[in-house]
Protein backbone atom coordinates (compact mmCIF):
# COMPACT_ATOMS: atom_id res chain seq x y z
CA UNK A 1 0.00 0.00 0.00
CA UNK A 2 2.85 2.41 0.74
CA UNK A 3 4.04 2.08 -2.84
CA UNK A 4 0.58 2.84 -4.20
CA UNK A 5 0.66 6.01 -2.11
CA UNK A 6 4.00 6.88 -3.72
CA UNK A 7 2.35 6.79 -7.13
CA UNK A 8 -0.67 8.75 -5.96
CA UNK A 9 1.54 11.43 -4.40
CA UNK A 10 3.15 12.23 -7.74
CA UNK A 11 -0.01 12.98 -9.70
CA UNK A 12 0.27 16.55 -10.97
CA UNK A 13 3.45 17.15 -8.95
CA UNK A 14 6.46 16.17 -11.08
CA UNK A 15 8.83 17.87 -8.62
CA UNK A 16 8.11 15.00 -6.22
CA UNK A 17 9.38 12.33 -8.61
CA UNK A 18 13.10 12.46 -7.87
CA UNK A 19 12.71 12.49 -4.04
CA UNK A 20 10.29 9.55 -4.23
CA UNK A 21 12.66 7.56 -6.45
CA UNK A 22 15.52 8.24 -4.04
CA UNK A 23 13.37 7.01 -1.15
CA UNK A 24 12.61 3.82 -3.04
CA UNK A 25 16.29 3.29 -3.82
CA UNK A 26 17.06 3.87 -0.15
CA UNK A 27 14.70 1.01 0.71
CA UNK A 28 16.66 -1.24 -1.64
CA UNK A 29 19.98 -0.19 -0.15
CA UNK A 30 18.90 -0.28 3.49
CA UNK A 31 19.13 -4.03 3.99
CA UNK A 32 21.76 -6.53 2.95
CA UNK A 33 20.55 -8.88 0.21
CA UNK A 34 21.89 -11.91 2.06
CA UNK A 35 19.95 -11.32 5.29
CA UNK A 36 16.64 -10.04 3.94
CA UNK A 37 13.45 -11.51 5.44
CA UNK A 38 10.48 -12.70 3.41
CA UNK A 39 8.64 -9.44 4.12
CA UNK A 40 11.82 -7.51 3.34
CA UNK A 41 12.20 -9.29 0.01
CA UNK A 42 8.61 -8.43 -0.90
CA UNK A 43 9.14 -4.77 0.03
CA UNK A 44 12.34 -4.63 -2.01
CA UNK A 45 10.68 -6.08 -5.10
CA UNK A 46 7.73 -3.74 -4.73
CA UNK A 47 10.09 -0.78 -4.44
CA UNK A 48 11.94 -1.74 -7.64
CA UNK A 49 8.67 -2.38 -9.49
CA UNK A 50 7.25 0.94 -8.32
CA UNK A 51 10.21 2.77 -9.86
CA UNK A 52 9.45 1.04 -13.17
CA UNK A 53 5.75 1.90 -12.98
CA UNK A 54 6.58 5.51 -12.12
CA UNK A 55 8.95 5.76 -15.07
CA UNK A 56 6.11 4.66 -17.35
CA UNK A 57 4.28 7.90 -16.57
CA UNK A 58 5.27 10.56 -19.03
CA UNK A 59 5.42 13.40 -16.49
CA UNK A 60 7.64 11.29 -14.24
CA UNK A 61 9.90 10.28 -17.12
CA UNK A 62 10.41 13.92 -18.08
CA UNK A 63 11.23 14.84 -14.47
CA UNK A 64 13.78 12.01 -14.24
CA UNK A 65 15.34 12.69 -17.64
CA UNK A 66 17.77 15.35 -16.42
CA UNK A 67 18.93 12.94 -13.69
CA UNK A 68 19.24 9.94 -16.03
CA UNK A 69 23.01 9.46 -16.01
CA UNK A 70 23.40 9.92 -12.22
CA UNK A 71 20.48 7.53 -11.71
CA UNK A 72 22.05 4.86 -13.89
CA UNK A 73 25.41 5.29 -12.17
CA UNK A 74 23.69 4.98 -8.78
CA UNK A 75 21.97 1.74 -9.82
CA UNK A 76 25.19 0.28 -11.17
CA UNK A 77 27.03 1.23 -7.99
CA UNK A 78 24.34 -0.48 -5.91
CA UNK A 79 24.71 -3.56 -8.10
CA UNK A 80 28.49 -3.64 -7.70
CA UNK A 81 28.14 -3.30 -3.91
CA UNK A 82 25.68 -6.18 -3.82
CA UNK A 83 22.90 -3.94 -2.49
CA UNK A 84 20.35 -5.12 -5.05
CA UNK A 85 19.39 -8.52 -6.40
CA UNK A 86 19.44 -9.36 -10.14
CA UNK A 87 15.66 -9.11 -10.50
CA UNK A 88 15.62 -5.72 -8.79
CA UNK A 89 18.47 -4.53 -10.99
CA UNK A 90 16.55 -5.59 -14.10
CA UNK A 91 13.46 -3.68 -12.98
CA UNK A 92 15.52 -0.55 -12.33
CA UNK A 93 17.34 -0.87 -15.66
CA UNK A 94 13.97 -1.15 -17.39
CA UNK A 95 12.90 2.05 -15.65
CA UNK A 96 16.04 3.82 -16.89
CA UNK A 97 15.36 2.69 -20.45
CA UNK A 98 11.75 3.89 -20.27
CA UNK A 99 12.90 7.31 -19.07
CA UNK A 100 15.49 7.50 -21.83
CA UNK A 101 13.08 6.41 -24.56
CA UNK A 102 10.21 8.60 -23.37
CA UNK A 103 12.18 11.79 -22.76
CA UNK A 104 14.49 11.42 -25.76
CA UNK A 105 12.09 9.91 -28.26
CA UNK A 106 13.79 11.52 -31.25
CA UNK A 107 17.34 10.53 -30.31
CA UNK A 108 18.08 7.02 -31.51
CA UNK A 109 21.75 7.48 -30.66
CA UNK A 110 20.83 8.22 -27.04
CA UNK A 111 18.84 4.97 -26.78
CA UNK A 112 21.75 3.02 -28.25
CA UNK A 113 24.12 4.46 -25.65
CA UNK A 114 21.67 3.69 -22.85
CA UNK A 115 21.31 0.07 -23.98
CA UNK A 116 25.07 -0.26 -24.38
CA UNK A 117 25.55 0.98 -20.83
CA UNK A 118 22.88 -1.31 -19.39
CA UNK A 119 24.06 -4.40 -21.29
CA UNK A 120 27.80 -3.90 -20.82
CA UNK A 121 28.24 -6.67 -18.24
CA UNK A 122 26.14 -9.21 -20.14
CA UNK A 123 27.77 -8.32 -23.47
CA UNK A 124 31.27 -8.81 -22.09
CA UNK A 125 30.34 -12.19 -20.65
CA UNK A 126 28.40 -13.51 -23.63
CA UNK A 127 30.97 -12.27 -26.16
CA UNK A 128 33.72 -14.27 -24.48
CA UNK A 129 34.48 -17.29 -26.74
CA UNK A 130 35.74 -19.29 -23.76
CA UNK A 131 32.45 -18.76 -21.89
CA UNK A 132 30.43 -19.67 -24.98
CA UNK A 133 32.37 -22.89 -25.54
CA UNK A 134 32.29 -23.86 -21.87
CA UNK A 135 28.58 -23.18 -21.45
CA UNK A 136 26.79 -23.65 -24.77
CA UNK A 137 28.80 -26.05 -26.93
CA UNK A 138 26.01 -28.61 -26.47
CA UNK A 139 23.36 -29.67 -23.99
CA UNK A 140 25.89 -31.53 -21.84
CA UNK A 141 28.09 -28.44 -21.48
CA UNK A 142 25.00 -26.42 -20.53
CA UNK A 143 24.18 -28.91 -17.78
CA UNK A 144 27.76 -28.96 -16.53
CA UNK A 145 27.68 -25.16 -16.29
CA UNK A 146 24.17 -24.61 -14.95
CA UNK A 147 22.77 -27.98 -13.89
CA UNK A 148 22.15 -29.61 -10.52
CA UNK A 149 23.83 -32.60 -8.90
CA UNK A 150 20.79 -34.87 -9.31
CA UNK A 151 21.06 -34.76 -13.11
CA UNK A 152 21.97 -38.23 -14.38
CA UNK A 153 25.00 -36.96 -16.26
CA UNK A 154 26.36 -35.12 -13.20
CA UNK A 155 25.56 -37.39 -10.26
CA UNK A 156 28.94 -39.17 -10.46
CA UNK A 157 30.97 -36.22 -11.75
CA UNK A 158 33.37 -35.31 -8.93
CA UNK A 159 34.48 -32.18 -10.78
CA UNK A 160 30.96 -30.71 -10.83
CA UNK A 161 30.64 -27.62 -8.63
CA UNK A 162 26.98 -27.21 -7.66
CA UNK A 163 27.48 -23.78 -6.07
CA UNK A 164 29.27 -22.42 -9.13
CA UNK A 165 26.61 -23.89 -11.42
CA UNK A 166 23.90 -22.25 -9.33
CA UNK A 167 25.49 -18.84 -9.74
CA UNK A 168 25.87 -19.37 -13.49
CA UNK A 169 22.25 -20.51 -13.74
CA UNK A 170 21.05 -17.42 -11.89
CA UNK A 171 23.17 -15.14 -14.06
CA UNK A 172 21.90 -16.69 -17.28
CA UNK A 173 18.28 -16.52 -16.19
CA UNK A 174 18.41 -12.81 -15.33
CA UNK A 175 20.55 -11.97 -18.37
CA UNK A 176 17.98 -13.57 -20.68
CA UNK A 177 15.20 -11.84 -18.76
CA UNK A 178 16.83 -8.44 -19.23
CA UNK A 179 17.41 -9.06 -22.94
CA UNK A 180 13.75 -10.02 -23.32
CA UNK A 181 12.30 -7.19 -21.23
CA UNK A 182 14.07 -4.22 -22.78
CA UNK A 183 13.23 -4.85 -26.47
CA UNK A 184 9.65 -5.70 -25.46
CA UNK A 185 9.37 -2.38 -23.63
CA UNK A 186 10.78 -0.47 -26.62
CA UNK A 187 8.34 -2.28 -28.93
CA UNK A 188 5.46 -1.21 -26.68
CA UNK A 189 6.59 2.41 -26.97
CA UNK A 190 6.74 2.05 -30.74
CA UNK A 191 3.19 0.75 -30.87
CA UNK A 192 1.81 3.39 -28.50
CA UNK A 193 3.74 6.47 -29.56
CA UNK A 194 5.37 5.62 -32.87
CA UNK A 195 8.81 5.84 -31.28
CA UNK A 196 11.80 4.61 -33.30
CA UNK A 197 13.67 3.72 -30.10
CA UNK A 198 13.15 0.01 -30.89
CA UNK A 199 15.83 0.32 -33.59
CA UNK A 200 18.38 0.91 -30.84
CA UNK A 201 18.60 -2.84 -30.26
CA UNK A 202 19.90 -3.55 -33.80
CA UNK A 203 23.63 -3.15 -32.93
CA UNK A 204 23.16 -5.64 -30.10
CA UNK A 205 21.66 -8.42 -32.21
CA UNK A 206 25.11 -9.67 -33.22
CA UNK A 207 25.92 -10.82 -29.69
CA UNK A 208 22.46 -11.58 -28.28
CA UNK A 209 20.99 -13.74 -31.06
CA UNK A 210 23.79 -16.37 -31.26
CA UNK A 211 23.63 -17.01 -27.52
CA UNK A 212 19.84 -17.14 -27.32
CA UNK A 213 19.59 -19.41 -30.37
CA UNK A 214 22.23 -21.79 -29.01
CA UNK A 215 20.55 -21.80 -25.59
CA UNK A 216 17.21 -22.67 -27.18
CA UNK A 217 18.89 -25.39 -29.21
CA UNK A 218 20.34 -26.96 -26.06
CA UNK A 219 17.00 -26.76 -24.24
CA UNK A 220 15.23 -28.28 -27.23
CA UNK A 221 17.68 -31.19 -27.22
CA UNK A 222 17.10 -31.77 -23.50
CA UNK A 223 13.40 -32.19 -24.27
CA UNK A 224 14.17 -35.06 -26.67
CA UNK A 225 14.43 -38.72 -25.56
CA UNK A 226 18.24 -38.53 -25.80
CA UNK A 227 18.30 -35.33 -23.77
CA UNK A 228 16.07 -36.72 -21.06
CA UNK A 229 18.64 -39.46 -20.51
CA UNK A 230 21.11 -36.73 -19.52
CA UNK A 231 18.61 -35.24 -17.10
CA UNK A 232 17.44 -38.44 -15.49
CA UNK A 233 14.97 -37.76 -12.67
CA UNK A 234 16.25 -34.27 -11.80
């Protein structure tokens, strides 16, 4: 309910936008991710989602536009410190993109720079040939990188590191989520306002498509009878 009140408080008062966003970011940074309670986790996710919803309002986006770069730097600093979880980071990044696309609708170059900034970490990781070969050569390599110990092909593998695989699995999930959410949001803006911001994703297709296609290929194989033998009962 407190987050609904945040949205209601802004109506007709764009000068309130930045202070409200800072309060929401303070909620995210006030508690360590590792020790958050169930109620705390819910509050954190609501805070991140509220920032995204706020950014979707044109008057709020315009108010945040002049603070866009500092806001993005603040989010990235929170991410580096471990103050926000991957899902919260994705929601905040989506908010930044909405602000950029709404307030700078005519500047395709600006959207490209915003996407490049947001996707830097994922691009560096996915563009690494060693990572690609280690993780997505085939379905077996995907399981070795992101699977769980109960998979038939891993149960007797003494070299399998379940903790490391869990981190890789989490990273891949949220990276794919971010790559799906941002183009979808830009496409929505194109449909609603005729914005050409969607074209900003074109330079990023060269590193996103190969990984997504290979990931889908591996998942498709795991759904086959041969692939299910690798999974076993896991």
